Amino acid sequence: MDVKIEESWKRHIGAEFDKPYFAALTAFVHEEYRRGTCYPPGRLIFNAFNLCPFDKVKVVIIGQDPYHEPGQAQGLCFSVNDGEPFPPSLVNIFKEIQADLGTPVPQSGSLVRWAEQGVLLLNATLTVRAHAAGSHQRHGWEEFTDAVIRAVSADRDHIVFILWGSYAQGKAQLIDASRHLILRSAHPSPLSAHRGFFGNHHFSLANQYLEKYGIDPIKW
């Protein structure tokens, strides 16, 4: 795995690349991509970091796994490529933004525009085998992305961490709540969105917090 990651991230998490677990993870990912189709394309594995430099991060949204069907995954949690149908969770995210802020549902499901504004769209696991959800979990990615969350918490101030669902909420222990805003709710998936995701106002709350500290809000 060729780690092409934006320079500011190397300064804060570069030590991870030299640890034994990352060498084992690299070997596993290389073999998986060699043996069959995996997502996202190799050049996009670190897309979330390359589009959102460390010093530009304002908001962190934590997902679990990349999309595992053709044409969807682009290295950003919840985001799909232009022209792809919106997955159900993304449909519900856009519904909540519309209800919260009055912003119309966009034509594209690509969230690159969020990333470029400072939203780190971080999946806990950065790769997946085609048609096999969770297939690359517990091979080292979680250790790496936990280190990312810790680094943002320790080395930045006034970041909004958005944790949807029990898996993401388990990452709260990595975050210094005295320095950052942690927003928690149910996951936007159709199975749970009506149990607290709809009406959570996370998008307006995030912007209010950023503006309180003189930080430009996100155009959701």
Protein backbone atom coordinates (compact mmCIF):
# COMPACT_ATOMS: atom_id res chain seq x y z
CA MET A 1 0.00 0.00 0.00
CA ASP A 2 1.54 3.24 -1.18
CA VAL A 3 0.84 5.77 1.55
CA LYS A 4 0.33 9.02 -0.37
CA ILE A 5 -1.05 11.24 2.34
CA GLU A 6 -1.10 15.02 2.63
CA GLU A 7 2.03 16.40 4.34
CA SER A 8 0.39 17.96 7.40
CA TRP A 9 -1.05 14.56 8.36
CA LYS A 10 2.42 13.01 8.15
CA ARG A 11 3.63 15.44 10.80
CA HIS A 12 0.94 14.36 13.25
CA ILE A 13 0.39 10.66 12.53
CA GLY A 14 3.48 9.72 10.52
CA ALA A 15 4.79 7.54 13.34
CA GLU A 16 1.91 5.13 12.71
CA PHE A 17 3.35 4.18 9.34
CA ASP A 18 6.49 2.79 11.02
CA LYS A 19 4.68 0.55 13.53
CA PRO A 20 4.50 -3.24 13.11
CA TYR A 21 0.70 -3.29 12.87
CA PHE A 22 0.82 -0.94 9.87
CA ALA A 23 3.33 -3.15 8.06
CA ALA A 24 0.99 -6.12 8.59
CA LEU A 25 -1.99 -4.03 7.47
CA THR A 26 -0.14 -2.94 4.32
CA ALA A 27 0.68 -6.54 3.45
CA PHE A 28 -2.96 -7.57 3.98
CA VAL A 29 -4.35 -4.72 1.86
CA HIS A 30 -1.85 -5.36 -0.97
CA GLU A 31 -2.84 -9.01 -1.09
CA GLU A 32 -6.58 -8.25 -1.01
CA TYR A 33 -6.32 -5.79 -3.90
CA ARG A 34 -4.12 -8.24 -5.83
CA ARG A 35 -6.56 -11.14 -5.39
CA GLY A 36 -9.75 -9.34 -6.34
CA THR A 37 -11.75 -6.14 -6.49
CA CYS A 38 -11.63 -3.92 -3.42
CA TYR A 39 -12.90 -0.43 -2.71
CA PRO A 40 -12.15 2.40 -2.87
CA PRO A 41 -9.67 2.48 -5.76
CA GLY A 42 -6.16 2.41 -4.34
CA ARG A 43 -5.45 6.05 -5.16
CA LEU A 44 -8.45 7.09 -3.02
CA ILE A 45 -7.72 5.11 0.15
CA PHE A 46 -6.44 8.25 1.89
CA ASN A 47 -8.76 10.65 0.06
CA ALA A 48 -10.34 11.97 3.28
CA PHE A 49 -6.92 13.18 4.44
CA ASN A 50 -5.76 14.52 1.09
CA LEU A 51 -8.88 16.65 0.64
CA CYS A 52 -8.85 17.91 4.23
CA PRO A 53 -5.40 18.80 5.60
CA PHE A 54 -4.84 18.38 9.35
CA ASP A 55 -4.69 22.11 10.06
CA LYS A 56 -7.92 22.74 8.11
CA VAL A 57 -10.11 20.25 9.99
CA LYS A 58 -13.21 21.81 11.56
CA VAL A 59 -15.56 18.84 11.82
CA VAL A 60 -14.97 15.09 12.03
CA ILE A 61 -17.74 12.69 10.95
CA ILE A 62 -17.01 9.05 11.75
CA GLY A 63 -18.30 6.19 9.61
CA GLN A 64 -17.54 2.50 9.81
CA ASP A 65 -16.81 0.90 6.43
CA PRO A 66 -16.51 2.00 2.79
CA TYR A 67 -19.33 1.21 0.39
CA HIS A 68 -18.68 -2.21 -1.13
CA GLU A 69 -20.54 -2.03 -4.46
CA PRO A 70 -19.17 -0.71 -7.79
CA GLY A 71 -18.90 3.03 -8.39
CA GLN A 72 -19.75 4.18 -4.90
CA ALA A 73 -16.74 4.40 -2.57
CA GLN A 74 -14.49 7.43 -2.91
CA GLY A 75 -12.62 7.34 0.38
CA LEU A 76 -15.06 9.61 2.23
CA CYS A 77 -17.60 8.23 4.68
CA PHE A 78 -21.26 8.45 3.54
CA SER A 79 -20.19 10.01 0.20
CA VAL A 80 -20.68 8.54 -3.30
CA ASN A 81 -19.37 9.54 -6.69
CA ASP A 82 -21.25 11.98 -8.90
CA GLY A 83 -24.10 10.28 -10.74
CA GLU A 84 -24.45 7.39 -8.28
CA PRO A 85 -27.84 6.83 -6.62
CA PHE A 86 -27.90 8.07 -3.03
CA PRO A 87 -27.53 5.25 -0.47
CA PRO A 88 -30.33 5.24 2.14
CA SER A 89 -28.22 6.78 4.93
CA LEU A 90 -27.16 9.64 2.67
CA VAL A 91 -30.78 10.25 1.69
CA ASN A 92 -31.58 10.68 5.38
CA ILE A 93 -28.57 12.94 5.98
CA PHE A 94 -29.78 15.28 3.24
CA LYS A 95 -33.33 15.15 4.65
CA GLU A 96 -32.06 16.25 8.07
CA ILE A 97 -29.96 19.05 6.55
CA GLN A 98 -33.03 20.29 4.68
CA ALA A 99 -35.17 20.16 7.83
CA ASP A 100 -32.44 21.72 10.00
CA LEU A 101 -31.12 24.45 7.71
CA GLY A 102 -33.57 24.69 4.81
CA THR A 103 -30.83 23.68 2.37
CA PRO A 104 -32.29 21.87 -0.67
CA VAL A 105 -31.21 18.31 -1.40
CA PRO A 106 -28.23 18.46 -3.80
CA GLN A 107 -28.06 16.80 -7.20
CA SER A 108 -24.90 14.86 -6.33
CA GLY A 109 -24.15 12.53 -3.44
CA SER A 110 -20.47 13.49 -3.50
CA LEU A 111 -19.39 15.14 -0.25
CA VAL A 112 -16.05 16.34 -1.64
CA ARG A 113 -17.34 19.90 -1.15
CA TRP A 114 -17.67 19.21 2.60
CA ALA A 115 -14.16 17.75 2.79
CA GLU A 116 -12.71 20.80 1.02
CA GLN A 117 -14.34 23.03 3.66
CA GLY A 118 -12.76 21.16 6.57
CA VAL A 119 -14.99 18.16 7.22
CA LEU A 120 -12.90 15.03 7.80
CA LEU A 121 -15.14 12.21 6.53
CA LEU A 122 -13.38 9.35 8.30
CA ASN A 123 -14.31 5.71 8.00
CA ALA A 124 -12.89 3.59 10.82
CA THR A 125 -11.89 1.02 8.18
CA LEU A 126 -10.51 2.51 4.97
CA THR A 127 -10.84 -0.44 2.57
CA VAL A 128 -13.28 -3.30 1.87
CA ARG A 129 -13.57 -6.32 -0.42
CA ALA A 130 -16.23 -6.00 -3.12
CA HIS A 131 -19.69 -7.19 -2.04
CA ALA A 132 -18.39 -8.10 1.45
CA ALA A 133 -19.25 -5.55 4.11
CA GLY A 134 -16.82 -5.52 7.03
CA SER A 135 -14.31 -7.75 5.24
CA HIS A 136 -11.30 -5.56 6.11
CA GLN A 137 -12.25 -4.88 9.71
CA ARG A 138 -9.92 -5.95 12.53
CA HIS A 139 -6.79 -6.00 10.37
CA GLY A 140 -5.26 -2.77 11.69
CA TRP A 141 -7.28 0.02 10.14
CA GLU A 142 -9.10 0.72 13.39
CA GLU A 143 -5.80 1.19 15.23
CA PHE A 144 -4.72 3.67 12.58
CA THR A 145 -7.97 5.67 12.52
CA ASP A 146 -8.15 5.71 16.32
CA ALA A 147 -4.70 7.33 16.24
CA VAL A 148 -6.07 9.90 13.79
CA ILE A 149 -8.94 10.76 16.15
CA ARG A 150 -6.56 11.03 19.11
CA ALA A 151 -4.21 13.30 17.15
CA VAL A 152 -7.00 15.68 16.11
CA SER A 153 -8.29 15.76 19.69
CA ALA A 154 -4.84 16.39 21.19
CA ASP A 155 -3.32 18.78 18.65
CA ARG A 156 -6.30 20.92 17.64
CA ASP A 157 -8.94 22.93 19.52
CA HIS A 158 -12.66 23.54 18.96
CA ILE A 159 -13.33 20.64 16.60
CA VAL A 160 -16.86 19.27 16.20
CA PHE A 161 -16.94 15.45 16.37
CA ILE A 162 -20.17 13.99 14.98
CA LEU A 163 -20.86 10.45 16.17
CA TRP A 164 -23.87 8.70 14.62
CA GLY A 165 -24.78 5.26 15.94
CA SER A 166 -23.28 3.10 18.64
CA TYR A 167 -20.12 2.22 16.71
CA ALA A 168 -19.12 5.84 16.17
CA GLN A 169 -20.15 6.76 19.72
CA GLY A 170 -17.64 4.23 20.99
CA LYS A 171 -14.93 6.57 19.69
CA ALA A 172 -15.95 9.31 22.16
CA GLN A 173 -13.44 7.94 24.66
CA LEU A 174 -10.64 9.06 22.31
CA ILE A 175 -11.79 12.70 22.35
CA ASP A 176 -11.12 15.41 24.94
CA ALA A 177 -14.64 16.71 25.56
CA SER A 178 -13.27 19.74 27.43
CA ARG A 179 -11.68 21.07 24.23
CA HIS A 180 -14.13 19.94 21.57
CA LEU A 181 -17.85 19.54 20.87
CA ILE A 182 -19.10 15.95 20.66
CA LEU A 183 -22.50 15.49 18.99
CA ARG A 184 -24.14 12.06 19.36
CA SER A 185 -27.33 10.59 17.91
CA ALA A 186 -28.79 7.52 16.27
CA HIS A 187 -27.35 6.47 12.91
CA PRO A 188 -28.96 7.88 9.72
CA SER A 189 -29.67 4.40 8.33
CA PRO A 190 -33.37 3.63 7.72
CA LEU A 191 -33.25 1.14 10.59
CA SER A 192 -32.50 3.80 13.19
CA ALA A 193 -32.99 7.30 11.71
CA HIS A 194 -36.41 7.67 13.33
CA ARG A 195 -34.93 6.84 16.75
CA GLY A 196 -33.12 10.14 17.13
CA PHE A 197 -31.23 11.00 13.97
CA PHE A 198 -34.07 13.02 12.48
CA GLY A 199 -34.37 16.21 14.47
CA ASN A 200 -30.86 16.03 15.95
CA HIS A 201 -29.96 19.46 14.44
CA HIS A 202 -26.32 18.42 14.27
CA PHE A 203 -25.61 20.60 11.24
CA SER A 204 -26.86 23.83 12.77
CA LEU A 205 -25.31 22.96 16.16
CA ALA A 206 -21.94 22.34 14.51
CA ASN A 207 -22.05 25.70 12.75
CA GLN A 208 -23.14 27.54 15.89
CA TYR A 209 -20.17 26.09 17.76
CA LEU A 210 -17.70 26.97 15.01
CA GLU A 211 -19.02 30.52 14.78
CA LYS A 212 -18.76 30.89 18.57
CA TYR A 213 -15.00 30.44 18.21
CA GLY A 214 -14.64 32.64 15.13
CA ILE A 215 -14.41 29.74 12.68
CA ASP A 216 -16.18 29.90 9.31
CA PRO A 217 -19.24 27.60 9.33
CA ILE A 218 -19.72 24.73 6.90
CA LYS A 219 -21.97 25.17 3.86
CA TRP A 220 -23.78 21.90 4.30
